[in-house]
PDB file of N, CA and C in Angstrom:
ATOM      1  N   MET A   1      60.455  -7.283 -19.304  1.00  0.00           N
ATOM      2  CA  MET A   1      60.951  -6.736 -18.058  1.00  0.00           C
ATOM      3  C   MET A   1      62.476  -6.920 -18.021  1.00  0.00           C
ATOM      4  N   THR A   2      63.184  -5.920 -17.603  1.00  0.00           N
ATOM      5  CA  THR A   2      64.634  -6.003 -17.538  1.00  0.00           C
ATOM      6  C   THR A   2      65.070  -6.478 -16.161  1.00  0.00           C
ATOM      7  N   TYR A   3      66.170  -7.199 -16.160  1.00  0.00           N
ATOM      8  CA  TYR A   3      66.716  -7.720 -14.915  1.00  0.00           C
ATOM      9  C   TYR A   3      67.682  -6.716 -14.311  1.00  0.00           C
ATOM     10  N   THR A   4      67.680  -6.617 -13.004  1.00  0.00           N
ATOM     11  CA  THR A   4      68.587  -5.738 -12.290  1.00  0.00           C
ATOM     12  C   THR A   4      69.718  -6.577 -11.715  1.00  0.00           C
ATOM     13  N   THR A   5      70.942  -6.257 -12.103  1.00  0.00           N
ATOM     14  CA  THR A   5      72.094  -6.960 -11.575  1.00  0.00           C
ATOM     15  C   THR A   5      72.543  -6.259 -10.309  1.00  0.00           C
ATOM     16  N   LEU A   6      72.605  -7.013  -9.226  1.00  0.00           N
ATOM     17  CA  LEU A   6      72.958  -6.456  -7.926  1.00  0.00           C
ATOM     18  C   LEU A   6      74.229  -7.112  -7.413  1.00  0.00           C
ATOM     19  N   ASN A   7      74.979  -6.362  -6.631  1.00  0.00           N
ATOM     20  CA  ASN A   7      76.068  -7.008  -5.905  1.00  0.00           C
ATOM     21  C   ASN A   7      75.505  -7.469  -4.566  1.00  0.00           C
ATOM     22  N   LEU A   8      76.317  -8.110  -3.767  1.00  0.00           N
ATOM     23  CA  LEU A   8      75.841  -8.719  -2.530  1.00  0.00           C
ATOM     24  C   LEU A   8      75.309  -7.692  -1.534  1.00  0.00           C
ATOM     25  N   GLU A   9      75.961  -6.535  -1.442  1.00  0.00           N
ATOM     26  CA  GLU A   9      75.510  -5.499  -0.516  1.00  0.00           C
ATOM     27  C   GLU A   9      74.137  -4.955  -0.928  1.00  0.00           C
ATOM     28  N   GLN A  10      73.940  -4.754  -2.215  1.00  0.00           N
ATOM     29  CA  GLN A  10      72.658  -4.260  -2.702  1.00  0.00           C
ATOM     30  C   GLN A  10      71.557  -5.295  -2.487  1.00  0.00           C
ATOM     31  N   PHE A  11      71.891  -6.564  -2.680  1.00  0.00           N
ATOM     32  CA  PHE A  11      70.923  -7.633  -2.443  1.00  0.00           C
ATOM     33  C   PHE A  11      70.526  -7.673  -0.966  1.00  0.00           C
ATOM     34  N   THR A  12      71.504  -7.501  -0.081  1.00  0.00           N
ATOM     35  CA  THR A  12      71.231  -7.506   1.359  1.00  0.00           C
ATOM     36  C   THR A  12      70.272  -6.385   1.721  1.00  0.00           C
ATOM     37  N   GLU A  13      70.488  -5.199   1.173  1.00  0.00           N
ATOM     38  CA  GLU A  13      69.590  -4.071   1.431  1.00  0.00           C
ATOM     39  C   GLU A  13      68.199  -4.323   0.855  1.00  0.00           C
ATOM     40  N   LEU A  14      68.137  -4.954  -0.302  1.00  0.00           N
ATOM     41  CA  LEU A  14      66.866  -5.191  -0.974  1.00  0.00           C
ATOM     42  C   LEU A  14      65.975  -6.151  -0.189  1.00  0.00           C
ATOM     43  N   VAL A  15      66.557  -7.173   0.404  1.00  0.00           N
ATOM     44  CA  VAL A  15      65.747  -8.212   1.056  1.00  0.00           C
ATOM     45  C   VAL A  15      65.429  -7.910   2.517  1.00  0.00           C
ATOM     46  N   LYS A  16      65.842  -6.755   3.031  1.00  0.00           N
ATOM     47  CA  LYS A  16      65.587  -6.421   4.433  1.00  0.00           C
ATOM     48  C   LYS A  16      64.109  -6.472   4.795  1.00  0.00           C
ATOM     49  N   ASP A  17      63.254  -5.889   3.993  1.00  0.00           N
ATOM     50  CA  ASP A  17      61.835  -5.767   4.310  1.00  0.00           C
ATOM     51  C   ASP A  17      60.973  -6.827   3.639  1.00  0.00           C
ATOM     52  N   VAL A  18      61.577  -7.764   2.928  1.00  0.00           N
ATOM     53  CA  VAL A  18      60.810  -8.774   2.213  1.00  0.00           C
ATOM     54  C   VAL A  18      60.461  -9.914   3.170  1.00  0.00           C
ATOM     55  N   LYS A  19      59.219 -10.377   3.095  1.00  0.00           N
ATOM     56  CA  LYS A  19      58.778 -11.481   3.943  1.00  0.00           C
ATOM     57  C   LYS A  19      58.955 -12.788   3.193  1.00  0.00           C
ATOM     58  N   PHE A  20      59.739 -13.704   3.781  1.00  0.00           N
ATOM     59  CA  PHE A  20      60.020 -15.005   3.185  1.00  0.00           C
ATOM     60  C   PHE A  20      59.452 -16.120   4.049  1.00  0.00           C
ATOM     61  N   THR A  21      59.281 -17.277   3.440  1.00  0.00           N
ATOM     62  CA  THR A  21      58.939 -18.470   4.204  1.00  0.00           C
ATOM     63  C   THR A  21      60.196 -18.901   4.967  1.00  0.00           C
ATOM     64  N   PRO A  22      60.064 -19.769   5.975  1.00  0.00           N
ATOM     65  CA  PRO A  22      61.261 -20.219   6.702  1.00  0.00           C
ATOM     66  C   PRO A  22      62.303 -20.880   5.804  1.00  0.00           C
ATOM     67  N   ALA A  23      61.872 -21.670   4.825  1.00  0.00           N
ATOM     68  CA  ALA A  23      62.829 -22.316   3.911  1.00  0.00           C
ATOM     69  C   ALA A  23      63.548 -21.278   3.055  1.00  0.00           C
ATOM     70  N   GLN A  24      62.806 -20.290   2.564  1.00  0.00           N
ATOM     71  CA  GLN A  24      63.421 -19.234   1.763  1.00  0.00           C
ATOM     72  C   GLN A  24      64.369 -18.404   2.606  1.00  0.00           C
ATOM     73  N   LYS A  25      64.013 -18.148   3.855  1.00  0.00           N
ATOM     74  CA  LYS A  25      64.861 -17.346   4.745  1.00  0.00           C
ATOM     75  C   LYS A  25      66.204 -18.027   4.982  1.00  0.00           C
ATOM     76  N   LYS A  26      66.208 -19.351   5.142  1.00  0.00           N
ATOM     77  CA  LYS A  26      67.462 -20.084   5.326  1.00  0.00           C
ATOM     78  C   LYS A  26      68.365 -19.927   4.110  1.00  0.00           C
ATOM     79  N   ILE A  27      67.775 -19.991   2.922  1.00  0.00           N
ATOM     80  CA  ILE A  27      68.562 -19.850   1.697  1.00  0.00           C
ATOM     81  C   ILE A  27      69.071 -18.427   1.558  1.00  0.00           C
ATOM     82  N   VAL A  28      68.235 -17.433   1.835  1.00  0.00           N
ATOM     83  CA  VAL A  28      68.655 -16.030   1.750  1.00  0.00           C
ATOM     84  C   VAL A  28      69.808 -15.762   2.714  1.00  0.00           C
ATOM     85  N   ASP A  29      69.727 -16.314   3.926  1.00  0.00           N
ATOM     86  CA  ASP A  29      70.819 -16.127   4.897  1.00  0.00           C
ATOM     87  C   ASP A  29      72.126 -16.701   4.375  1.00  0.00           C
ATOM     88  N   ARG A  30      72.081 -17.855   3.726  1.00  0.00           N
ATOM     89  CA  ARG A  30      73.301 -18.444   3.157  1.00  0.00           C
ATOM     90  C   ARG A  30      73.833 -17.598   2.000  1.00  0.00           C
ATOM     91  N   LEU A  31      72.932 -17.075   1.176  1.00  0.00           N
ATOM     92  CA  LEU A  31      73.359 -16.232   0.060  1.00  0.00           C
ATOM     93  C   LEU A  31      74.005 -14.948   0.559  1.00  0.00           C
ATOM     94  N   ILE A  32      73.460 -14.375   1.615  1.00  0.00           N
ATOM     95  CA  ILE A  32      74.021 -13.148   2.178  1.00  0.00           C
ATOM     96  C   ILE A  32      75.404 -13.410   2.766  1.00  0.00           C
ATOM     97  N   LYS A  33      75.625 -14.614   3.307  1.00  0.00           N
ATOM     98  CA  LYS A  33      76.957 -14.971   3.822  1.00  0.00           C
ATOM     99  C   LYS A  33      77.994 -15.097   2.715  1.00  0.00           C
ATOM    100  N   GLY A  34      77.531 -15.201   1.467  1.00  0.00           N
ATOM    101  CA  GLY A  34      78.454 -15.294   0.348  1.00  0.00           C
ATOM    102  C   GLY A  34      78.509 -16.666  -0.287  1.00  0.00           C
ATOM    103  N   ASP A  35      77.708 -17.594   0.205  1.00  0.00           N
ATOM    104  CA  ASP A  35      77.679 -18.926  -0.386  1.00  0.00           C
ATOM    105  C   ASP A  35      76.976 -18.873  -1.741  1.00  0.00           C
ATOM    106  N   GLN A  36      77.315 -19.819  -2.604  1.00  0.00           N
ATOM    107  CA  GLN A  36      76.690 -19.916  -3.913  1.00  0.00           C
ATOM    108  C   GLN A  36      76.107 -21.304  -4.079  1.00  0.00           C
ATOM    109  N   LEU A  37      75.068 -21.414  -4.878  1.00  0.00           N
ATOM    110  CA  LEU A  37      74.525 -22.721  -5.218  1.00  0.00           C
ATOM    111  C   LEU A  37      75.246 -23.249  -6.440  1.00  0.00           C
ATOM    112  N   TRP A  38      75.711 -24.461  -6.329  1.00  0.00           N
ATOM    113  CA  TRP A  38      76.460 -25.113  -7.398  1.00  0.00           C
ATOM    114  C   TRP A  38      75.528 -26.141  -8.017  1.00  0.00           C
ATOM    115  N   ILE A  39      75.193 -25.953  -9.282  1.00  0.00           N
ATOM    116  CA  ILE A  39      74.327 -26.893  -9.979  1.00  0.00           C
ATOM    117  C   ILE A  39      75.209 -28.024 -10.494  1.00  0.00           C
ATOM    118  N   THR A  40      75.065 -29.194  -9.874  1.00  0.00           N
ATOM    119  CA  THR A  40      75.924 -30.317 -10.251  1.00  0.00           C
ATOM    120  C   THR A  40      75.292 -31.198 -11.313  1.00  0.00           C
ATOM    121  N   ASN A  41      73.979 -31.205 -11.409  1.00  0.00           N
ATOM    122  CA  ASN A  41      73.306 -32.017 -12.419  1.00  0.00           C
ATOM    123  C   ASN A  41      72.012 -31.319 -12.805  1.00  0.00           C
ATOM    124  N   GLU A  42      72.005 -30.656 -13.945  1.00  0.00           N
ATOM    125  CA  GLU A  42      70.836 -29.904 -14.390  1.00  0.00           C
ATOM    126  C   GLU A  42      69.706 -30.794 -14.883  1.00  0.00           C
ATOM    127  N   HIS A  43      69.985 -32.030 -15.152  1.00  0.00           N
ATOM    128  CA  HIS A  43      69.035 -32.878 -15.851  1.00  0.00           C
ATOM    129  C   HIS A  43      68.216 -33.773 -14.935  1.00  0.00           C
ATOM    130  N   ARG A  44      68.247 -33.509 -13.658  1.00  0.00           N
ATOM    131  CA  ARG A  44      67.415 -34.268 -12.728  1.00  0.00           C
ATOM    132  C   ARG A  44      65.960 -33.852 -12.902  1.00  0.00           C
ATOM    133  N   MET A  45      65.044 -34.737 -12.610  1.00  0.00           N
ATOM    134  CA  MET A  45      63.616 -34.452 -12.827  1.00  0.00           C
ATOM    135  C   MET A  45      63.106 -33.328 -11.935  1.00  0.00           C
ATOM    136  N   SER A  46      63.664 -33.152 -10.768  1.00  0.00           N
ATOM    137  CA  SER A  46      63.156 -32.138  -9.844  1.00  0.00           C
ATOM    138  C   SER A  46      63.752 -30.760 -10.095  1.00  0.00           C
ATOM    139  N   GLY A  47      64.432 -30.573 -11.192  1.00  0.00           N
ATOM    140  CA  GLY A  47      64.970 -29.264 -11.517  1.00  0.00           C
ATOM    141  C   GLY A  47      66.464 -29.174 -11.382  1.00  0.00           C
ATOM    142  N   GLY A  48      67.097 -30.220 -10.970  1.00  0.00           N
ATOM    143  CA  GLY A  48      68.545 -30.218 -10.860  1.00  0.00           C
ATOM    144  C   GLY A  48      69.003 -30.674  -9.493  1.00  0.00           C
ATOM    145  N   GLU A  49      70.272 -30.920  -9.412  1.00  0.00           N
ATOM    146  CA  GLU A  49      70.879 -31.313  -8.145  1.00  0.00           C
ATOM    147  C   GLU A  49      71.794 -30.176  -7.714  1.00  0.00           C
ATOM    148  N   TYR A  50      71.592 -29.676  -6.504  1.00  0.00           N
ATOM    149  CA  TYR A  50      72.290 -28.491  -6.042  1.00  0.00           C
ATOM    150  C   TYR A  50      73.176 -28.814  -4.851  1.00  0.00           C
ATOM    151  N   ASN A  51      74.313 -28.137  -4.802  1.00  0.00           N
ATOM    152  CA  ASN A  51      75.212 -28.180  -3.658  1.00  0.00           C
ATOM    153  C   ASN A  51      75.570 -26.745  -3.301  1.00  0.00           C
ATOM    154  N   TRP A  52      75.950 -26.541  -2.043  1.00  0.00           N
ATOM    155  CA  TRP A  52      76.426 -25.228  -1.625  1.00  0.00           C
ATOM    156  C   TRP A  52      77.922 -25.149  -1.860  1.00  0.00           C
ATOM    157  N   LYS A  53      78.378 -24.073  -2.465  1.00  0.00           N
ATOM    158  CA  LYS A  53      79.804 -23.803  -2.620  1.00  0.00           C
ATOM    159  C   LYS A  53      80.132 -22.655  -1.675  1.00  0.00           C
ATOM    160  N   THR A  54      80.991 -22.937  -0.711  1.00  0.00           N
ATOM    161  CA  THR A  54      81.357 -21.927   0.270  1.00  0.00           C
ATOM    162  C   THR A  54      82.795 -21.502   0.052  1.00  0.00           C
ATOM    163  N   GLU A  55      83.126 -20.331   0.523  1.00  0.00           N
ATOM    164  CA  GLU A  55      84.484 -19.822   0.339  1.00  0.00           C
ATOM    165  C   GLU A  55      85.476 -20.452   1.308  1.00  0.00           C
ATOM    166  N   TYR A  56      84.994 -21.056   2.373  1.00  0.00           N
ATOM    167  CA  TYR A  56      85.888 -21.621   3.381  1.00  0.00           C
ATOM    168  C   TYR A  56      86.094 -23.123   3.223  1.00  0.00           C
ATOM    169  N   SER A  57      85.523 -23.734   2.181  1.00  0.00           N
ATOM    170  CA  SER A  57      85.709 -25.156   1.955  1.00  0.00           C
ATOM    171  C   SER A  57      85.856 -25.408   0.463  1.00  0.00           C
ATOM    172  N   GLU A  58      86.746 -26.297   0.102  1.00  0.00           N
ATOM    173  CA  GLU A  58      86.915 -26.605  -1.312  1.00  0.00           C
ATOM    174  C   GLU A  58      85.964 -27.709  -1.768  1.00  0.00           C
ATOM    175  N   TYR A  59      85.297 -28.359  -0.827  1.00  0.00           N
ATOM    176  CA  TYR A  59      84.355 -29.421  -1.152  1.00  0.00           C
ATOM    177  C   TYR A  59      82.927 -28.907  -1.085  1.00  0.00           C
ATOM    178  N   PRO A  60      82.088 -29.306  -2.030  1.00  0.00           N
ATOM    179  CA  PRO A  60      80.695 -28.843  -1.999  1.00  0.00           C
ATOM    180  C   PRO A  60      79.921 -29.490  -0.852  1.00  0.00           C
ATOM    181  N   GLU A  61      78.946 -28.772  -0.361  1.00  0.00           N
ATOM    182  CA  GLU A  61      78.084 -29.248   0.715  1.00  0.00           C
ATOM    183  C   GLU A  61      76.699 -29.488   0.130  1.00  0.00           C
ATOM    184  N   TYR A  62      76.131 -30.651   0.382  1.00  0.00           N
ATOM    185  CA  TYR A  62      74.834 -31.000  -0.188  1.00  0.00           C
ATOM    186  C   TYR A  62      73.770 -29.988   0.253  1.00  0.00           C
ATOM    187  N   ALA A  63      73.018 -29.478  -0.700  1.00  0.00           N
ATOM    188  CA  ALA A  63      72.044 -28.431  -0.407  1.00  0.00           C
ATOM    189  C   ALA A  63      70.655 -28.975  -0.111  1.00  0.00           C
ATOM    190  N   GLY A  64      70.399 -30.205  -0.449  1.00  0.00           N
ATOM    191  CA  GLY A  64      69.070 -30.744  -0.203  1.00  0.00           C
ATOM    192  C   GLY A  64      68.098 -30.318  -1.280  1.00  0.00           C
ATOM    193  N   ARG A  65      66.845 -30.185  -0.906  1.00  0.00           N
ATOM    194  CA  ARG A  65      65.797 -29.865  -1.861  1.00  0.00           C
ATOM    195  C   ARG A  65      65.527 -28.363  -1.845  1.00  0.00           C
ATOM    196  N   VAL A  66      66.385 -27.606  -2.478  1.00  0.00           N
ATOM    197  CA  VAL A  66      66.269 -26.145  -2.437  1.00  0.00           C
ATOM    198  C   VAL A  66      65.721 -25.549  -3.725  1.00  0.00           C
ATOM    199  N   TYR A  67      65.444 -26.379  -4.710  1.00  0.00           N
ATOM    200  CA  TYR A  67      65.073 -25.879  -6.028  1.00  0.00           C
ATOM    201  C   TYR A  67      63.894 -24.906  -5.979  1.00  0.00           C
ATOM    202  N   LYS A  68      62.775 -25.353  -5.425  1.00  0.00           N
ATOM    203  CA  LYS A  68      61.565 -24.531  -5.426  1.00  0.00           C
ATOM    204  C   LYS A  68      61.736 -23.277  -4.570  1.00  0.00           C
ATOM    205  N   ALA A  69      62.289 -23.431  -3.381  1.00  0.00           N
ATOM    206  CA  ALA A  69      62.453 -22.279  -2.488  1.00  0.00           C
ATOM    207  C   ALA A  69      63.427 -21.256  -3.084  1.00  0.00           C
ATOM    208  N   PHE A  70      64.507 -21.730  -3.725  1.00  0.00           N
ATOM    209  CA  PHE A  70      65.490 -20.810  -4.316  1.00  0.00           C
ATOM    210  C   PHE A  70      64.850 -19.960  -5.408  1.00  0.00           C
ATOM    211  N   TRP A  71      64.146 -20.575  -6.322  1.00  0.00           N
ATOM    212  CA  TRP A  71      63.565 -19.816  -7.426  1.00  0.00           C
ATOM    213  C   TRP A  71      62.404 -18.955  -6.967  1.00  0.00           C
ATOM    214  N   ASN A  72      61.698 -19.367  -5.924  1.00  0.00           N
ATOM    215  CA  ASN A  72      60.596 -18.546  -5.422  1.00  0.00           C
ATOM    216  C   ASN A  72      61.078 -17.313  -4.671  1.00  0.00           C
ATOM    217  N   ILE A  73      62.318 -17.294  -4.229  1.00  0.00           N
ATOM    218  CA  ILE A  73      62.884 -16.101  -3.592  1.00  0.00           C
ATOM    219  C   ILE A  73      62.784 -14.902  -4.545  1.00  0.00           C
ATOM    220  N   PHE A  74      63.136 -15.123  -5.784  1.00  0.00           N
ATOM    221  CA  PHE A  74      63.156 -14.033  -6.754  1.00  0.00           C
ATOM    222  C   PHE A  74      61.741 -13.642  -7.178  1.00  0.00           C
ATOM    223  N   TYR A  75      60.829 -14.605  -7.149  1.00  0.00           N
ATOM    224  CA  TYR A  75      59.418 -14.301  -7.409  1.00  0.00           C
ATOM    225  C   TYR A  75      58.852 -13.431  -6.285  1.00  0.00           C
ATOM    226  N   VAL A  76      59.174 -13.757  -5.039  1.00  0.00           N
ATOM    227  CA  VAL A  76      58.688 -12.984  -3.890  1.00  0.00           C
ATOM    228  C   VAL A  76      59.252 -11.562  -3.925  1.00  0.00           C
ATOM    229  N   ILE A  77      60.512 -11.422  -4.276  1.00  0.00           N
ATOM    230  CA  ILE A  77      61.115 -10.087  -4.380  1.00  0.00           C
ATOM    231  C   ILE A  77      60.410  -9.280  -5.464  1.00  0.00           C
ATOM    232  N   ARG A  78      60.128  -9.924  -6.579  1.00  0.00           N
ATOM    233  CA  ARG A  78      59.450  -9.218  -7.670  1.00  0.00           C
ATOM    234  C   ARG A  78      58.050  -8.785  -7.259  1.00  0.00           C
ATOM    235  N   LYS A  79      57.326  -9.649  -6.541  1.00  0.00           N
ATOM    236  CA  LYS A  79      55.973  -9.317  -6.121  1.00  0.00           C
ATOM    237  C   LYS A  79      55.949  -8.216  -5.064  1.00  0.00           C
ATOM    238  N   GLN A  80      56.899  -8.262  -4.103  1.00  0.00           N
ATOM    239  CA  GLN A  80      56.862  -7.307  -2.994  1.00  0.00           C
ATOM    240  C   GLN A  80      57.599  -6.006  -3.292  1.00  0.00           C
ATOM    241  N   LYS A  81      58.643  -6.060  -4.093  1.00  0.00           N
ATOM    242  CA  LYS A  81      59.445  -4.862  -4.366  1.00  0.00           C
ATOM    243  C   LYS A  81      59.293  -4.341  -5.788  1.00  0.00           C
ATOM    244  N   GLY A  82      58.821  -5.187  -6.701  1.00  0.00           N
ATOM    245  CA  GLY A  82      58.669  -4.763  -8.094  1.00  0.00           C
ATOM    246  C   GLY A  82      59.973  -4.732  -8.868  1.00  0.00           C
ATOM    247  N   ILE A  83      60.969  -5.474  -8.391  1.00  0.00           N
ATOM    248  CA  ILE A  83      62.281  -5.497  -9.042  1.00  0.00           C
ATOM    249  C   ILE A  83      62.583  -6.914  -9.497  1.00  0.00           C
ATOM    250  N   GLU A  84      62.961  -7.050 -10.748  1.00  0.00           N
ATOM    251  CA  GLU A  84      63.350  -8.336 -11.312  1.00  0.00           C
ATOM    252  C   GLU A  84      64.861  -8.487 -11.110  1.00  0.00           C
ATOM    253  N   VAL A  85      65.270  -9.413 -10.248  1.00  0.00           N
ATOM    254  CA  VAL A  85      66.671  -9.555  -9.855  1.00  0.00           C
ATOM    255  C   VAL A  85      67.363 -10.593 -10.725  1.00  0.00           C
ATOM    256  N   ASP A  86      68.564 -10.283 -11.173  1.00  0.00           N
ATOM    257  CA  ASP A  86      69.397 -11.239 -11.893  1.00  0.00           C
ATOM    258  C   ASP A  86      70.036 -12.163 -10.858  1.00  0.00           C
ATOM    259  N   PHE A  87      69.716 -13.434 -10.925  1.00  0.00           N
ATOM    260  CA  PHE A  87      70.138 -14.398  -9.924  1.00  0.00           C
ATOM    261  C   PHE A  87      71.488 -15.036 -10.233  1.00  0.00           C
ATOM    262  N   SER A  88      72.108 -14.697 -11.337  1.00  0.00           N
ATOM    263  CA  SER A  88      73.304 -15.405 -11.775  1.00  0.00           C
ATOM    264  C   SER A  88      74.497 -15.254 -10.827  1.00  0.00           C
ATOM    265  N   ILE A  89      74.521 -14.218  -9.989  1.00  0.00           N
ATOM    266  CA  ILE A  89      75.649 -14.076  -9.054  1.00  0.00           C
ATOM    267  C   ILE A  89      75.583 -15.115  -7.938  1.00  0.00           C
ATOM    268  N   PHE A  90      74.422 -15.771  -7.790  1.00  0.00           N
ATOM    269  CA  PHE A  90      74.262 -16.753  -6.722  1.00  0.00           C
ATOM    270  C   PHE A  90      74.461 -18.182  -7.198  1.00  0.00           C
ATOM    271  N   LEU A  91      74.672 -18.379  -8.498  1.00  0.00           N
ATOM    272  CA  LEU A  91      74.872 -19.707  -9.038  1.00  0.00           C
ATOM    273  C   LEU A  91      76.317 -19.887  -9.466  1.00  0.00           C
ATOM    274  N   TYR A  92      76.851 -21.062  -9.174  1.00  0.00           N
ATOM    275  CA  TYR A  92      78.219 -21.392  -9.566  1.00  0.00           C
ATOM    276  C   TYR A  92      78.157 -22.540 -10.560  1.00  0.00           C
ATOM    277  N   ARG A  93      78.810 -22.370 -11.661  1.00  0.00           N
ATOM    278  CA  ARG A  93      78.920 -23.448 -12.664  1.00  0.00           C
ATOM    279  C   ARG A  93      80.382 -23.547 -13.062  1.00  0.00           C
ATOM    280  N   ASP A  94      80.844 -24.777 -13.168  1.00  0.00           N
ATOM    281  CA  ASP A  94      82.251 -24.918 -13.591  1.00  0.00           C
ATOM    282  C   ASP A  94      82.358 -25.350 -15.014  1.00  0.00           C
TER     283      ASP A  94
END
């Protein structure tokens, strides 16, 4: 299956009709605002340590336990819309 690379506007249009859990909806709202998830430690047992990188702050904001909900967003989109989304625009790595 090929991945579809979307910009933020296309992603916003894509997720309009998708039904998310409350945790997934909070993450989608942050992604639509332009925030990115910053993976600070990939080697943690729970899938990594994540922080939010925002455009209005130079310091990362702790994201909490978003690993499962973040990755399930793209699974839900694939199941409901049939589109495999490239998630790399939402991740920040330095």
